[in-house]
Each structure stands twice: as C-alpha cells, then as structure tokens.
Amino acid sequence: MDSEEESFVRLQDESLQSPEQLRQEIERCKELHTALEKECAKLQSAKEAAEQRTQELKKEELHKVLEQQLPLNGDEERARQIFTIREENKRLRLEKQVLYNKLEELKKRVFWNDPVQILSALPEKKMIFKGLPANKEDMNKLMLIPLIRCPLPGGSALITFEEAEVAQRIIEMKEHTVELSCGQLEELDQCRVKVQAVPMDILLPSALEIRLTQSSRSILVSDLPSLSISKEALLDKLELFFSKTKNGGSEVESRSFLEDSQQVVLTFTRDGVAEPLIERGHIQVPIGKGKYKIKISPYMSGDISNLQLQPSRCPRTVLLLGIPDVMSVESMRDALEIHFQKASRGGGEVDALAYVPAGRTGVAVFVEDTAG
C-alpha cells in the first residue's frame, strides 16, 4: 500500500483498560518502598551508634596509651586491656563498613522501587495540558492507542464505508458481480468479475504487561543542543568525552540515537561506569566552541512479559477477495468504488478504498476509529 495505508481503515473505540496486574504491582512497589525506608532508618541509626562507639573507643585507647607511657612497673594487666581495646576497635571499624555498605545498597533498592524517584531520573519530555478526565474512573489508567499492521494478499481490496450498516449489508450478500469498463477488453463476458465480500477481523491487545530493566553499562544522554553539525559528528564528540576517565567515563562500546528523538544511548565496555554518571545527573560537555549542560539518565529497556489478544471486527470495513488482474490498478480501484457506491447494488458512500493486484502483497494499517 502507498501513502493511503494510513487513512483507509480506522477502528472503533474499544475503551481499553489498564490491566489489574499493573495496579497491583504499583501497590506492591509502594509497600516495598515504605518497608525499605524503615530499614534505611534503622541502618542509619545503627551506623551513627557505631560511629559514636568508635569515637569513644579511640578516646579510651589514647588514654590507655598515655598511661602506658608512664612508669608501669611491668603492669601486664594494663597491657592486656590495651590489646583488647585495640582488637575491639578493629572489629567495630569492620562492622561500621559492613553497615555502611548495606545502607548504600538499600538506598539503591529504594530508589529503583519508587516509581516517583525513577520518573525524576528519566529524561524530561515537553508535555501539554489537555483538560481533566471526564470520569474519575479514567484516572491512573494506561491508555493504549492501537496501530495494527495486517498483511493483505494479492487480488484483494479493502473498502471502508461511511456507515457500518452498508458494510454489514455488503457482507451478507457475500458474492458481488462488478462491471468493468470494456474499452480495454475484446469479449463481453470479460467485462464482469465476481468478488467475495468477507468481514475484516483483526487481533487487538486486551492485556499487556511490560517488565522494565535498567542497563548496568548504558546511559541515556538528553537535553542535547541543536547545532549545525551532523548526528554522526555529535556522536563522535560524545564518545570522545565519555571515553576519558577524567570525565568519569571509560571505553565506549556503542553509541546510537534513539528513534524519533534527540536522545543518545551510550554503552560502555565494563560495569561500574554508568552508575556514577547517572548519580551526577548533569554534566558540562564541550562541543565545538561552546560548553553545554546535558542530562544523564538511566537507560531502561522494556520487555513484554505478557500479552493477551482478542479478536475484533472492523464494523465499517469489508475485505474483497478473488479480484483478477485484468486492469490497471487505478482503473480497477475506480471500478470497485463505482460499483460499491451504488445503492442499487447494496452499497453506499465509500470513505476509503485500497486495492492490491494479484501477484503482489500489501500491508493494511488500522488505527483508532474517531468517526462519530
């Protein structure tokens, strides 16, 4: 199909709703976030207590050392006490380090399980306010806009009528005899062709679950300046900057622009490079004669973990099959439209028509039906 494929068929509004599983997962994340915050507070308190105890032991050890410098007359008991204090001090330092590592790990877990904090770390997107929802039930729902691509065989045509009743009438008649212009044909019986009319059924998603995963080696670079250089040159500048260790980077394995956006994905050859850059949030990058502040965000990849489909019929669309290749594409399209617009043949006003000649294949694109 050519440029017409975006317009000749639309779907009826199916009022898709977000899956119940998605709402349950959000509630579970909120509960986990609360529990992790409490755990962080406990670990912070334990860390502060350990630090205070360490300071006290340091003072005691210094006091013991000073006393040891005085004539002790070989006081072995005091020497043993000092040795015990030093060993206890060493143990507390190790315990303090373990608590600190646990606290940092919990902070990361809280961050990535809190949807609000995750959103704040993602690239900014310009949005526009379009009004409040008509119903409170429409709030907090994931709305999917269908864009379905369906292959069409050769020798077929799709017709979308302005009224669903016309399409239903054409389908009920099943077989149609279409008169062709005989200017190109010699025999009279070749001026008519029989075609079969069948309903157009497609599969629409009824439930969708997506699993997000943060890449450990990749970063998402956004807020890039609009410069008069090619995308490839801009990628070279970014790779050169982020491959230097003094800038917090390392060797870059790959770089690419995200499709239909001004955002770049950089992937490093080793772990441990992306996370410190993401924590910085923004960084000044020299490009050409100027320096520009760009944003660094985590790169999240999404995988469909569950997809459920349900059949849906296009109420205003009819699929015609068995069309022989006896005329040019334009002439056959005109002949079909003329025939199916006649009320005497059960037809009506045609909204869109697309024809695929025999021996070829096409792709039909179905979008949401916004017609009243």
Protein backbone atom coordinates (compact mmCIF):
# COMPACT_ATOMS: atom_id res chain seq x y z
CA MET A 1 0.00 0.00 0.00
CA ASP A 2 1.22 3.56 -0.62
CA SER A 3 0.50 6.68 1.40
CA GLU A 4 -3.17 5.72 1.55
CA GLU A 5 -2.48 2.94 4.06
CA GLU A 6 -2.59 5.36 6.99
CA SER A 7 -6.10 6.54 6.16
CA PHE A 8 -8.28 3.92 4.54
CA VAL A 9 -9.22 1.98 7.70
CA ARG A 10 -9.89 3.02 11.27
CA LEU A 11 -11.05 1.04 14.32
CA GLN A 12 -13.96 1.57 16.61
CA ASP A 13 -13.06 2.81 20.07
CA GLU A 14 -12.58 -0.32 22.21
CA SER A 15 -12.20 1.60 25.53
CA LEU A 16 -9.14 -0.45 26.54
CA GLN A 17 -8.46 -0.53 30.27
CA SER A 18 -5.15 -0.98 32.12
CA PRO A 19 -4.53 -4.48 33.46
CA GLU A 20 -5.42 -5.15 37.09
CA GLN A 21 -1.98 -6.71 37.47
CA LEU A 22 -0.34 -3.34 36.76
CA ARG A 23 -2.23 -1.64 39.60
CA GLN A 24 -1.35 -4.46 42.00
CA GLU A 25 2.32 -4.18 41.06
CA ILE A 26 2.29 -0.43 41.76
CA GLU A 27 0.74 -1.04 45.20
CA ARG A 28 3.35 -3.69 45.91
CA CYS A 29 6.14 -1.27 44.97
CA LYS A 30 4.70 1.36 47.31
CA GLU A 31 4.60 -1.11 50.22
CA LEU A 32 8.16 -2.23 49.46
CA HIS A 33 9.28 1.38 49.33
CA THR A 34 7.82 2.07 52.80
CA ALA A 35 9.46 -1.04 54.26
CA LEU A 36 12.82 -0.16 52.74
CA GLU A 37 12.64 3.39 54.09
CA LYS A 38 12.12 1.99 57.63
CA GLU A 39 15.05 -0.38 57.13
CA CYS A 40 17.23 2.50 55.93
CA ALA A 41 16.34 4.50 59.05
CA LYS A 42 17.31 1.56 61.28
CA LEU A 43 20.62 1.08 59.47
CA GLN A 44 21.36 4.81 59.65
CA SER A 45 20.73 4.74 63.40
CA ALA A 46 22.98 1.70 63.82
CA LYS A 47 25.67 3.40 61.74
CA GLU A 48 25.55 6.54 63.90
CA ALA A 49 25.73 4.42 67.08
CA ALA A 50 28.73 2.53 65.73
CA GLU A 51 30.48 5.79 64.83
CA GLN A 52 29.82 7.17 68.31
CA ARG A 53 31.14 3.99 69.92
CA THR A 54 34.24 4.16 67.70
CA GLN A 55 34.97 7.71 68.83
CA GLU A 56 34.61 6.66 72.48
CA LEU A 57 36.98 3.75 71.99
CA LYS A 58 39.51 5.99 70.29
CA LYS A 59 39.49 8.28 73.31
CA GLU A 60 39.85 5.35 75.67
CA GLU A 61 42.70 3.91 73.61
CA LEU A 62 44.52 7.25 73.58
CA HIS A 63 44.10 7.50 77.32
CA LYS A 64 45.48 3.99 77.79
CA VAL A 65 48.45 4.72 75.53
CA LEU A 66 49.27 7.83 77.53
CA GLU A 67 49.07 5.87 80.73
CA GLN A 68 51.29 3.19 79.24
CA GLN A 69 53.96 5.77 78.59
CA LEU A 70 54.17 6.40 82.35
CA PRO A 71 56.20 4.04 84.57
CA LEU A 72 54.00 0.98 84.68
CA ASN A 73 56.44 -1.29 86.54
CA GLY A 74 55.57 -4.10 84.10
CA ASP A 75 51.82 -3.92 84.60
CA GLU A 76 50.82 -6.83 82.31
CA GLU A 77 47.13 -6.49 83.12
CA ARG A 78 47.02 -2.98 81.71
CA ALA A 79 48.85 -4.12 78.57
CA ARG A 80 46.24 -6.82 78.03
CA GLN A 81 43.47 -4.25 78.39
CA ILE A 82 45.04 -2.05 75.74
CA PHE A 83 45.38 -5.01 73.38
CA THR A 84 41.72 -5.91 73.96
CA ILE A 85 40.62 -2.34 73.26
CA ARG A 86 42.59 -2.28 70.01
CA GLU A 87 41.02 -5.53 68.85
CA GLU A 88 37.54 -4.25 69.74
CA ASN A 89 38.24 -1.03 67.87
CA LYS A 90 39.28 -3.00 64.80
CA ARG A 91 36.12 -5.12 64.99
CA LEU A 92 33.92 -2.03 65.23
CA ARG A 93 35.57 -0.50 62.19
CA LEU A 94 34.75 -3.60 60.17
CA GLU A 95 31.18 -3.61 61.47
CA LYS A 96 30.84 0.05 60.57
CA GLN A 97 31.97 -0.66 56.99
CA VAL A 98 29.50 -3.55 56.66
CA LEU A 99 26.63 -1.34 57.89
CA TYR A 100 27.65 1.43 55.50
CA ASN A 101 27.66 -0.97 52.53
CA LYS A 102 24.20 -2.29 53.50
CA LEU A 103 22.88 1.26 53.80
CA GLU A 104 24.13 2.19 50.32
CA GLU A 105 22.62 -0.95 48.83
CA LEU A 106 19.24 -0.24 50.44
CA LYS A 107 19.31 3.33 49.15
CA LYS A 108 19.70 1.99 45.62
CA ARG A 109 16.89 -0.52 46.12
CA VAL A 110 14.58 2.18 47.47
CA PHE A 111 15.39 4.39 44.50
CA TRP A 112 14.64 1.80 41.83
CA ASN A 113 11.49 0.53 43.55
CA ASP A 114 9.99 4.00 43.93
CA PRO A 115 8.15 4.96 40.71
CA VAL A 116 8.30 8.66 41.62
CA GLN A 117 12.08 8.66 42.01
CA ILE A 118 12.53 6.65 38.84
CA LEU A 119 10.47 9.16 36.87
CA SER A 120 12.52 12.06 38.26
CA ALA A 121 15.69 10.44 36.95
CA LEU A 122 14.37 9.94 33.43
CA PRO A 123 14.81 12.48 30.62
CA GLU A 124 12.43 15.42 30.59
CA LYS A 125 9.68 15.45 27.99
CA LYS A 126 7.69 18.51 26.98
CA MET A 127 4.01 17.95 27.75
CA ILE A 128 0.86 19.99 27.27
CA PHE A 129 -2.25 20.05 29.47
CA LYS A 130 -5.34 18.91 27.52
CA GLY A 131 -8.02 19.05 30.22
CA LEU A 132 -9.30 16.92 33.06
CA PRO A 133 -10.73 13.39 32.53
CA ALA A 134 -14.47 13.23 32.16
CA ASN A 135 -14.77 10.41 34.71
CA LYS A 136 -12.78 9.71 37.85
CA GLU A 137 -12.56 6.08 36.70
CA ASP A 138 -10.39 7.23 33.78
CA MET A 139 -7.62 8.38 36.12
CA ASN A 140 -4.49 6.27 36.67
CA LYS A 141 -5.18 4.17 33.61
CA LEU A 142 -2.74 3.13 30.91
CA MET A 143 -4.34 4.08 27.61
CA LEU A 144 -3.17 2.22 24.51
CA ILE A 145 -3.63 3.69 21.03
CA PRO A 146 -3.79 0.77 18.57
CA LEU A 147 -1.71 0.82 15.40
CA ILE A 148 -2.21 -2.59 13.82
CA ARG A 149 -0.44 -3.68 10.64
CA CYS A 150 -2.08 -6.55 8.78
CA PRO A 151 -0.81 -8.19 5.55
CA LEU A 152 -3.12 -8.25 2.53
CA PRO A 153 -2.92 -10.93 -0.19
CA GLY A 154 -2.81 -10.19 -3.88
CA GLY A 155 -6.13 -9.91 -5.67
CA SER A 156 -7.86 -8.25 -2.71
CA ALA A 157 -9.24 -4.87 -1.72
CA LEU A 158 -10.35 -3.15 1.47
CA ILE A 159 -13.32 -0.82 1.46
CA THR A 160 -14.33 1.37 4.38
CA PHE A 161 -17.84 2.77 4.17
CA GLU A 162 -19.09 5.84 5.98
CA GLU A 163 -21.85 3.74 7.59
CA ALA A 164 -21.46 0.39 9.33
CA GLU A 165 -24.92 -0.71 8.08
CA VAL A 166 -23.70 -0.58 4.48
CA ALA A 167 -20.68 -2.75 5.25
CA GLN A 168 -22.86 -5.30 7.01
CA ARG A 169 -25.23 -5.41 4.02
CA ILE A 170 -22.37 -5.98 1.57
CA ILE A 171 -21.01 -8.83 3.74
CA GLU A 172 -24.40 -10.52 3.96
CA MET A 173 -24.68 -10.53 0.14
CA LYS A 174 -21.33 -12.45 0.03
CA GLU A 175 -20.77 -12.55 -3.75
CA HIS A 176 -20.80 -9.45 -5.97
CA THR A 177 -20.58 -9.10 -9.76
CA VAL A 178 -18.64 -5.96 -10.67
CA GLU A 179 -18.95 -4.48 -14.17
CA LEU A 180 -15.70 -3.26 -15.68
CA SER A 181 -15.03 -0.75 -18.42
CA CYS A 182 -14.83 -2.75 -21.69
CA GLY A 183 -12.63 -0.27 -23.51
CA GLN A 184 -9.57 -2.43 -22.88
CA LEU A 185 -11.26 -5.82 -23.38
CA GLU A 186 -12.46 -7.62 -26.50
CA GLU A 187 -15.02 -10.13 -25.23
CA LEU A 188 -18.18 -9.02 -23.48
CA ASP A 189 -18.11 -11.76 -20.81
CA GLN A 190 -14.72 -10.46 -19.66
CA CYS A 191 -16.32 -7.15 -18.67
CA ARG A 192 -17.66 -8.62 -15.45
CA VAL A 193 -15.80 -10.13 -12.48
CA LYS A 194 -17.11 -11.86 -9.39
CA VAL A 195 -15.62 -10.99 -6.00
CA GLN A 196 -16.24 -12.34 -2.49
CA ALA A 197 -17.05 -9.96 0.40
CA VAL A 198 -15.98 -11.07 3.90
CA PRO A 199 -15.67 -9.25 7.24
CA MET A 200 -12.31 -7.85 8.31
CA ASP A 201 -11.23 -9.31 11.67
CA ILE A 202 -8.02 -8.33 13.43
CA LEU A 203 -6.42 -9.10 16.81
CA LEU A 204 -6.23 -6.33 19.40
CA PRO A 205 -4.31 -6.40 22.72
CA SER A 206 -6.66 -6.80 25.70
CA ALA A 207 -3.96 -7.07 28.40
CA LEU A 208 -0.34 -6.03 28.38
CA GLU A 209 2.45 -6.39 30.94
CA ILE A 210 5.86 -4.79 30.43
CA ARG A 211 8.95 -5.57 32.51
CA LEU A 212 11.45 -2.68 32.83
CA THR A 213 15.14 -3.41 33.31
CA GLN A 214 17.92 -0.89 33.94
CA SER A 215 21.07 -1.44 31.92
CA SER A 216 24.23 -1.67 34.07
CA ARG A 217 26.51 -0.42 31.29
CA SER A 218 24.41 2.11 29.39
CA ILE A 219 23.34 5.71 29.97
CA LEU A 220 20.74 7.88 28.26
CA VAL A 221 22.00 11.32 27.22
CA SER A 222 19.37 14.03 26.67
CA ASP A 223 18.96 17.84 26.54
CA LEU A 224 21.41 17.88 23.64
CA PRO A 225 21.97 21.26 21.95
CA SER A 226 20.66 22.00 18.46
CA LEU A 227 23.82 22.56 16.45
CA SER A 228 24.61 22.77 12.76
CA ILE A 229 26.57 19.51 12.78
CA SER A 230 25.57 16.05 11.65
CA LYS A 231 24.32 13.41 14.06
CA GLU A 232 27.41 11.33 13.38
CA ALA A 233 29.68 14.24 14.31
CA LEU A 234 27.72 14.79 17.53
CA LEU A 235 28.07 11.10 18.40
CA ASP A 236 31.83 11.38 17.86
CA LYS A 237 32.01 14.33 20.28
CA LEU A 238 30.03 12.47 22.95
CA GLU A 239 32.07 9.29 22.58
CA LEU A 240 35.33 11.25 22.80
CA PHE A 241 34.19 13.00 26.01
CA PHE A 242 32.75 9.97 27.79
CA SER A 243 35.66 7.69 26.88
CA LYS A 244 38.00 9.72 29.13
CA THR A 245 38.42 8.57 32.73
CA LYS A 246 38.94 12.15 33.95
CA ASN A 247 35.35 12.85 32.88
CA GLY A 248 34.09 9.80 34.78
CA GLY A 249 33.83 7.68 31.66
CA SER A 250 35.54 4.69 30.08
CA GLU A 251 35.86 2.97 26.71
CA VAL A 252 32.58 3.27 24.78
CA GLU A 253 31.35 0.06 23.19
CA SER A 254 28.47 1.54 21.16
CA ARG A 255 26.57 4.77 20.64
CA SER A 256 23.29 5.47 18.86
CA PHE A 257 20.41 7.92 18.59
CA LEU A 258 17.04 6.70 19.81
CA GLU A 259 14.49 6.53 17.02
CA ASP A 260 12.38 9.70 16.61
CA SER A 261 14.13 11.53 19.46
CA GLN A 262 17.12 13.73 20.26
CA GLN A 263 18.43 11.29 22.87
CA VAL A 264 21.58 9.19 22.67
CA VAL A 265 22.33 5.81 24.24
CA LEU A 266 25.98 5.23 25.19
CA THR A 267 27.11 1.75 26.24
CA PHE A 268 30.45 1.21 27.99
CA THR A 269 32.63 -1.89 27.79
CA ARG A 270 32.61 -2.53 31.55
CA ASP A 271 30.37 -2.25 34.59
CA GLY A 272 30.67 0.44 37.26
CA VAL A 273 30.92 3.40 34.87
CA ALA A 274 27.27 4.20 34.18
CA GLU A 275 26.06 4.43 37.79
CA PRO A 276 28.34 7.30 38.99
CA LEU A 277 27.50 9.28 35.85
CA ILE A 278 23.76 8.78 36.45
CA GLU A 279 24.14 9.99 40.05
CA ARG A 280 25.69 13.23 38.78
CA GLY A 281 22.54 13.92 36.77
CA HIS A 282 24.01 16.70 34.61
CA ILE A 283 27.44 17.35 33.13
CA GLN A 284 29.10 20.08 31.05
CA VAL A 285 30.29 18.74 27.68
CA PRO A 286 32.46 20.78 25.27
CA ILE A 287 31.09 20.62 21.74
CA GLY A 288 32.70 22.84 19.16
CA LYS A 289 33.45 26.26 20.62
CA GLY A 290 30.96 26.04 23.48
CA LYS A 291 30.13 24.02 26.57
CA TYR A 292 26.65 22.60 27.01
CA LYS A 293 24.88 21.16 30.05
CA ILE A 294 23.37 17.80 29.17
CA LYS A 295 21.33 15.38 31.25
CA ILE A 296 22.40 11.81 32.08
CA SER A 297 19.68 9.30 32.94
CA PRO A 298 19.44 5.53 33.40
CA TYR A 299 18.72 3.59 30.24
CA MET A 300 15.64 1.44 30.78
CA SER A 301 14.77 -1.38 28.39
CA GLY A 302 11.27 -2.83 28.30
CA ASP A 303 10.29 -6.39 27.51
CA ILE A 304 6.72 -7.58 27.02
CA SER A 305 6.26 -10.24 29.69
CA ASN A 306 2.58 -10.93 28.99
CA LEU A 307 0.38 -10.07 26.01
CA GLN A 308 -3.22 -11.17 25.62
CA LEU A 309 -5.08 -10.66 22.34
CA GLN A 310 -8.75 -10.70 21.48
CA PRO A 311 -10.40 -10.74 18.02
CA SER A 312 -12.09 -7.53 16.92
CA ARG A 313 -14.20 -6.88 13.83
CA CYS A 314 -13.95 -3.64 11.88
CA PRO A 315 -17.62 -2.63 11.60
CA ARG A 316 -17.26 -0.24 8.63
CA THR A 317 -14.70 -2.22 6.61
CA VAL A 318 -15.15 -5.06 4.08
CA LEU A 319 -12.45 -7.30 2.61
CA LEU A 320 -12.94 -8.23 -1.07
CA LEU A 321 -11.22 -11.38 -2.36
CA GLY A 322 -10.76 -13.07 -5.73
CA ILE A 323 -10.16 -9.95 -7.84
CA PRO A 324 -8.42 -10.92 -11.14
CA ASP A 325 -5.59 -8.82 -12.56
CA VAL A 326 -7.31 -7.68 -15.77
CA MET A 327 -6.98 -3.88 -15.48
CA SER A 328 -4.55 -1.26 -14.25
CA VAL A 329 -4.51 -0.55 -10.53
CA GLU A 330 -6.17 2.84 -10.90
CA SER A 331 -8.88 1.56 -13.27
CA MET A 332 -9.74 -1.40 -11.03
CA ARG A 333 -9.88 0.85 -7.97
CA ASP A 334 -12.27 3.20 -9.76
CA ALA A 335 -14.47 0.32 -10.96
CA LEU A 336 -14.77 -1.13 -7.46
CA GLU A 337 -15.57 2.24 -5.90
CA ILE A 338 -18.23 3.00 -8.53
CA HIS A 339 -19.88 -0.39 -8.01
CA PHE A 340 -19.97 -0.32 -4.22
CA GLN A 341 -21.20 3.28 -4.05
CA LYS A 342 -24.42 2.37 -5.87
CA ALA A 343 -27.37 1.92 -3.52
CA SER A 344 -28.97 -0.39 -6.09
CA ARG A 345 -26.09 -2.82 -5.52
CA GLY A 346 -26.46 -2.62 -1.74
CA GLY A 347 -23.64 -0.09 -1.43
CA GLY A 348 -23.27 3.40 -0.03
CA GLU A 349 -20.81 6.25 0.43
CA VAL A 350 -17.21 4.97 0.39
CA ASP A 351 -14.82 6.52 2.90
CA ALA A 352 -11.62 4.82 1.67
CA LEU A 353 -10.58 2.04 -0.70
CA ALA A 354 -7.29 0.25 -1.31
CA TYR A 355 -6.59 -2.43 -3.92
CA VAL A 356 -3.73 -4.97 -4.10
CA PRO A 357 -3.32 -6.57 -7.56
CA ALA A 358 -2.80 -10.31 -7.93
CA GLY A 359 0.84 -11.35 -7.62
CA ARG A 360 1.62 -8.58 -5.13
CA THR A 361 1.21 -8.13 -1.37
CA GLY A 362 0.21 -5.14 0.72
CA VAL A 363 0.00 -4.02 4.33
CA ALA A 364 -3.14 -2.53 5.86
CA VAL A 365 -2.68 -0.14 8.77
CA PHE A 366 -5.57 0.01 11.26
CA VAL A 367 -5.87 2.97 13.61
CA GLU A 368 -8.45 4.08 16.16
CA ASP A 369 -11.81 4.96 14.62
CA THR A 370 -12.62 8.54 15.64
CA ALA A 371 -15.69 8.84 13.40
CA GLY A 372 -18.91 9.56 15.24
